[in-house]
N, C-alpha and C. Protein backbone atom coordinates (compact mmCIF):
# COMPACT_ATOMS: atom_id res chain seq x y z
N MET A 1 7.73 36.44 14.79
CA MET A 1 7.58 37.40 13.72
C MET A 1 7.14 36.67 12.44
N ALA A 2 6.33 37.32 11.67
CA ALA A 2 5.81 36.75 10.43
C ALA A 2 6.91 36.70 9.36
N LYS A 3 6.74 35.78 8.43
CA LYS A 3 7.64 35.69 7.28
C LYS A 3 7.05 36.58 6.19
N ILE A 4 7.80 37.59 5.79
CA ILE A 4 7.33 38.56 4.81
C ILE A 4 8.19 38.45 3.56
N GLU A 5 7.51 38.35 2.42
CA GLU A 5 8.20 38.32 1.13
C GLU A 5 7.62 39.42 0.26
N ILE A 6 8.50 40.12 -0.43
CA ILE A 6 8.06 41.18 -1.34
C ILE A 6 8.78 41.03 -2.67
N TYR A 7 8.00 40.83 -3.71
CA TYR A 7 8.54 40.80 -5.07
C TYR A 7 8.59 42.25 -5.53
N SER A 8 9.75 42.67 -6.02
CA SER A 8 9.92 44.08 -6.35
C SER A 8 10.87 44.24 -7.54
N SER A 9 11.05 45.50 -7.91
CA SER A 9 12.09 45.86 -8.88
C SER A 9 12.69 47.18 -8.41
N PRO A 10 13.93 47.45 -8.78
CA PRO A 10 14.64 48.60 -8.21
C PRO A 10 14.07 49.96 -8.61
N PHE A 11 13.35 50.06 -9.72
CA PHE A 11 12.88 51.36 -10.19
C PHE A 11 11.40 51.59 -9.91
N CYS A 12 10.86 50.83 -8.98
CA CYS A 12 9.43 50.85 -8.69
C CYS A 12 9.15 51.72 -7.46
N GLY A 13 8.49 52.85 -7.67
CA GLY A 13 8.17 53.74 -6.56
C GLY A 13 7.24 53.09 -5.53
N PHE A 14 6.28 52.30 -6.01
CA PHE A 14 5.37 51.63 -5.08
C PHE A 14 6.11 50.60 -4.23
N CYS A 15 7.12 49.96 -4.82
CA CYS A 15 7.95 49.01 -4.06
C CYS A 15 8.67 49.74 -2.93
N HIS A 16 9.22 50.92 -3.25
CA HIS A 16 9.94 51.69 -2.24
C HIS A 16 9.01 52.14 -1.12
N MET A 17 7.77 52.52 -1.48
CA MET A 17 6.81 52.92 -0.45
C MET A 17 6.45 51.75 0.46
N ALA A 18 6.26 50.58 -0.12
CA ALA A 18 5.92 49.40 0.67
C ALA A 18 7.08 49.03 1.60
N LYS A 19 8.29 49.04 1.07
CA LYS A 19 9.46 48.69 1.89
C LYS A 19 9.69 49.73 2.99
N ARG A 20 9.41 51.00 2.68
CA ARG A 20 9.55 52.05 3.68
C ARG A 20 8.59 51.80 4.86
N LEU A 21 7.35 51.40 4.55
CA LEU A 21 6.39 51.09 5.62
C LEU A 21 6.86 49.89 6.44
N LEU A 22 7.32 48.84 5.76
CA LEU A 22 7.80 47.66 6.49
C LEU A 22 9.01 48.00 7.35
N ASN A 23 9.90 48.83 6.82
CA ASN A 23 11.07 49.26 7.59
C ASN A 23 10.64 50.07 8.82
N LYS A 24 9.64 50.94 8.64
CA LYS A 24 9.12 51.75 9.74
C LYS A 24 8.54 50.85 10.84
N LYS A 25 7.95 49.73 10.42
CA LYS A 25 7.39 48.78 11.37
C LYS A 25 8.48 47.95 12.05
N GLY A 26 9.71 48.03 11.54
CA GLY A 26 10.83 47.32 12.15
C GLY A 26 10.83 45.83 11.89
N VAL A 27 10.22 45.41 10.77
CA VAL A 27 10.15 43.99 10.47
C VAL A 27 11.15 43.63 9.37
N GLU A 28 11.61 42.41 9.41
CA GLU A 28 12.50 41.90 8.37
C GLU A 28 11.65 41.30 7.27
N TYR A 29 12.15 41.39 6.06
CA TYR A 29 11.45 40.81 4.92
C TYR A 29 12.47 40.32 3.91
N THR A 30 12.02 39.39 3.10
CA THR A 30 12.84 38.89 2.00
C THR A 30 12.39 39.59 0.74
N GLU A 31 13.33 40.23 0.08
CA GLU A 31 13.02 40.93 -1.17
C GLU A 31 13.45 40.08 -2.35
N ILE A 32 12.55 39.91 -3.29
CA ILE A 32 12.84 39.14 -4.49
C ILE A 32 12.78 40.11 -5.66
N ASP A 33 13.93 40.46 -6.19
CA ASP A 33 14.05 41.42 -7.28
C ASP A 33 13.79 40.69 -8.60
N VAL A 34 12.64 40.96 -9.20
CA VAL A 34 12.28 40.25 -10.43
C VAL A 34 13.03 40.75 -11.66
N MET A 35 13.75 41.87 -11.52
CA MET A 35 14.61 42.31 -12.62
C MET A 35 15.93 41.56 -12.58
N ALA A 36 16.46 41.37 -11.38
CA ALA A 36 17.73 40.65 -11.22
C ALA A 36 17.53 39.15 -11.41
N ALA A 37 16.33 38.66 -11.08
CA ALA A 37 16.02 37.23 -11.21
C ALA A 37 14.70 37.09 -11.98
N PRO A 38 14.74 37.34 -13.30
CA PRO A 38 13.50 37.33 -14.08
C PRO A 38 12.76 36.00 -14.07
N GLU A 39 13.46 34.92 -13.78
CA GLU A 39 12.80 33.61 -13.70
C GLU A 39 11.84 33.54 -12.52
N ARG A 40 11.98 34.43 -11.56
CA ARG A 40 11.08 34.46 -10.39
C ARG A 40 9.75 35.16 -10.69
N ARG A 41 9.66 35.89 -11.82
CA ARG A 41 8.43 36.60 -12.15
C ARG A 41 7.26 35.64 -12.34
N ALA A 42 7.48 34.53 -13.03
CA ALA A 42 6.41 33.55 -13.24
C ALA A 42 5.92 33.00 -11.90
N GLU A 43 6.84 32.77 -10.98
CA GLU A 43 6.50 32.32 -9.63
C GLU A 43 5.61 33.36 -8.94
N MET A 44 6.00 34.63 -9.07
CA MET A 44 5.24 35.72 -8.47
C MET A 44 3.82 35.76 -9.03
N VAL A 45 3.70 35.69 -10.34
CA VAL A 45 2.39 35.75 -10.99
C VAL A 45 1.50 34.60 -10.52
N GLN A 46 2.08 33.42 -10.42
CA GLN A 46 1.31 32.26 -9.96
C GLN A 46 0.87 32.45 -8.52
N ARG A 47 1.78 32.85 -7.65
CA ARG A 47 1.45 33.02 -6.23
C ARG A 47 0.46 34.16 -6.01
N ALA A 48 0.52 35.18 -6.88
CA ALA A 48 -0.33 36.37 -6.72
C ALA A 48 -1.63 36.24 -7.52
N ASN A 49 -1.98 35.01 -7.89
CA ASN A 49 -3.23 34.77 -8.63
C ASN A 49 -3.36 35.66 -9.87
N GLY A 50 -2.26 35.75 -10.62
CA GLY A 50 -2.26 36.50 -11.86
C GLY A 50 -1.74 37.92 -11.75
N GLY A 51 -1.42 38.36 -10.54
CA GLY A 51 -0.87 39.71 -10.37
C GLY A 51 0.48 39.83 -11.04
N ARG A 52 0.60 40.77 -11.98
CA ARG A 52 1.82 40.91 -12.77
C ARG A 52 2.65 42.13 -12.40
N THR A 53 2.08 43.03 -11.63
CA THR A 53 2.81 44.25 -11.28
C THR A 53 3.53 44.06 -9.94
N VAL A 54 4.58 44.83 -9.75
CA VAL A 54 5.28 44.83 -8.48
C VAL A 54 4.90 46.10 -7.73
N PRO A 55 4.90 46.05 -6.40
CA PRO A 55 5.24 44.90 -5.58
C PRO A 55 4.07 43.93 -5.43
N GLN A 56 4.42 42.70 -5.14
CA GLN A 56 3.45 41.70 -4.68
C GLN A 56 3.98 41.26 -3.33
N ILE A 57 3.14 41.36 -2.31
CA ILE A 57 3.57 41.18 -0.93
C ILE A 57 2.84 40.00 -0.31
N PHE A 58 3.60 39.18 0.40
CA PHE A 58 3.07 37.99 1.07
C PHE A 58 3.49 38.04 2.53
N ILE A 59 2.54 37.79 3.43
CA ILE A 59 2.83 37.71 4.86
C ILE A 59 2.41 36.32 5.32
N ASP A 60 3.38 35.54 5.76
CA ASP A 60 3.15 34.14 6.14
C ASP A 60 2.39 33.38 5.04
N GLY A 61 2.79 33.62 3.79
CA GLY A 61 2.20 32.93 2.65
C GLY A 61 0.90 33.53 2.17
N LEU A 62 0.31 34.45 2.91
CA LEU A 62 -0.94 35.10 2.51
C LEU A 62 -0.64 36.25 1.58
N HIS A 63 -1.24 36.25 0.40
CA HIS A 63 -1.05 37.33 -0.55
C HIS A 63 -1.86 38.53 -0.09
N VAL A 64 -1.17 39.62 0.27
CA VAL A 64 -1.89 40.81 0.71
C VAL A 64 -2.05 41.83 -0.40
N GLY A 65 -1.36 41.63 -1.53
CA GLY A 65 -1.48 42.55 -2.65
C GLY A 65 -0.24 43.40 -2.80
N GLY A 66 -0.47 44.65 -3.21
CA GLY A 66 0.64 45.56 -3.46
C GLY A 66 0.76 46.62 -2.38
N SER A 67 1.40 47.71 -2.73
CA SER A 67 1.65 48.79 -1.78
C SER A 67 0.36 49.41 -1.28
N ASP A 68 -0.59 49.68 -2.17
CA ASP A 68 -1.86 50.28 -1.75
C ASP A 68 -2.58 49.42 -0.73
N GLU A 69 -2.61 48.12 -0.98
CA GLU A 69 -3.29 47.20 -0.07
C GLU A 69 -2.56 47.11 1.27
N LEU A 70 -1.23 47.13 1.22
CA LEU A 70 -0.43 47.09 2.45
C LEU A 70 -0.73 48.33 3.30
N HIS A 71 -0.75 49.50 2.67
CA HIS A 71 -1.03 50.73 3.40
C HIS A 71 -2.47 50.76 3.91
N ALA A 72 -3.40 50.20 3.15
CA ALA A 72 -4.80 50.14 3.59
C ALA A 72 -4.92 49.25 4.84
N LEU A 73 -4.20 48.13 4.85
CA LEU A 73 -4.20 47.27 6.03
C LEU A 73 -3.68 48.04 7.24
N ASP A 74 -2.63 48.83 7.02
CA ASP A 74 -2.06 49.60 8.12
C ASP A 74 -3.05 50.65 8.62
N ARG A 75 -3.67 51.37 7.71
CA ARG A 75 -4.66 52.39 8.11
C ARG A 75 -5.83 51.77 8.86
N GLY A 76 -6.20 50.56 8.47
CA GLY A 76 -7.32 49.88 9.12
C GLY A 76 -6.95 49.15 10.40
N GLY A 77 -5.68 49.24 10.81
CA GLY A 77 -5.26 48.58 12.04
C GLY A 77 -5.10 47.08 11.91
N LYS A 78 -5.05 46.59 10.67
CA LYS A 78 -4.97 45.14 10.46
C LYS A 78 -3.57 44.64 10.12
N LEU A 79 -2.64 45.56 9.85
CA LEU A 79 -1.30 45.13 9.46
C LEU A 79 -0.49 44.62 10.65
N ASP A 80 -0.49 45.34 11.74
CA ASP A 80 0.31 44.93 12.90
C ASP A 80 -0.02 43.53 13.39
N PRO A 81 -1.32 43.17 13.50
CA PRO A 81 -1.62 41.78 13.90
C PRO A 81 -1.06 40.74 12.93
N LEU A 82 -1.07 41.04 11.63
CA LEU A 82 -0.50 40.11 10.65
C LEU A 82 1.01 39.99 10.84
N LEU A 83 1.66 41.12 11.06
CA LEU A 83 3.11 41.12 11.20
C LEU A 83 3.57 40.43 12.48
N ASN A 84 2.75 40.46 13.50
CA ASN A 84 3.14 39.89 14.79
C ASN A 84 2.60 38.50 15.03
N ALA A 85 1.86 37.97 14.04
CA ALA A 85 1.22 36.66 14.21
C ALA A 85 2.20 35.50 14.10
N GLY A 86 3.26 35.68 13.32
CA GLY A 86 4.16 34.58 13.02
C GLY A 86 4.99 34.08 14.14
């Protein structure tokens, strides 16, 4: 199984949509709450090539973007291979 990391915040609707999709896929992920750990936000921005909004999602270290990009990968049939590659 792939290693999935999602930078999020508790009041973010897009974060909830992304996590709902990952939960539907039955995969485990590590959630990094940038409100609870604000020092992790700079790490997120650096890893996401300047992306400052949440969620920022990484699959096996590959930055896939946010919720919209995650859902687009799923619609295009490209998400499952990423999730099962690890």
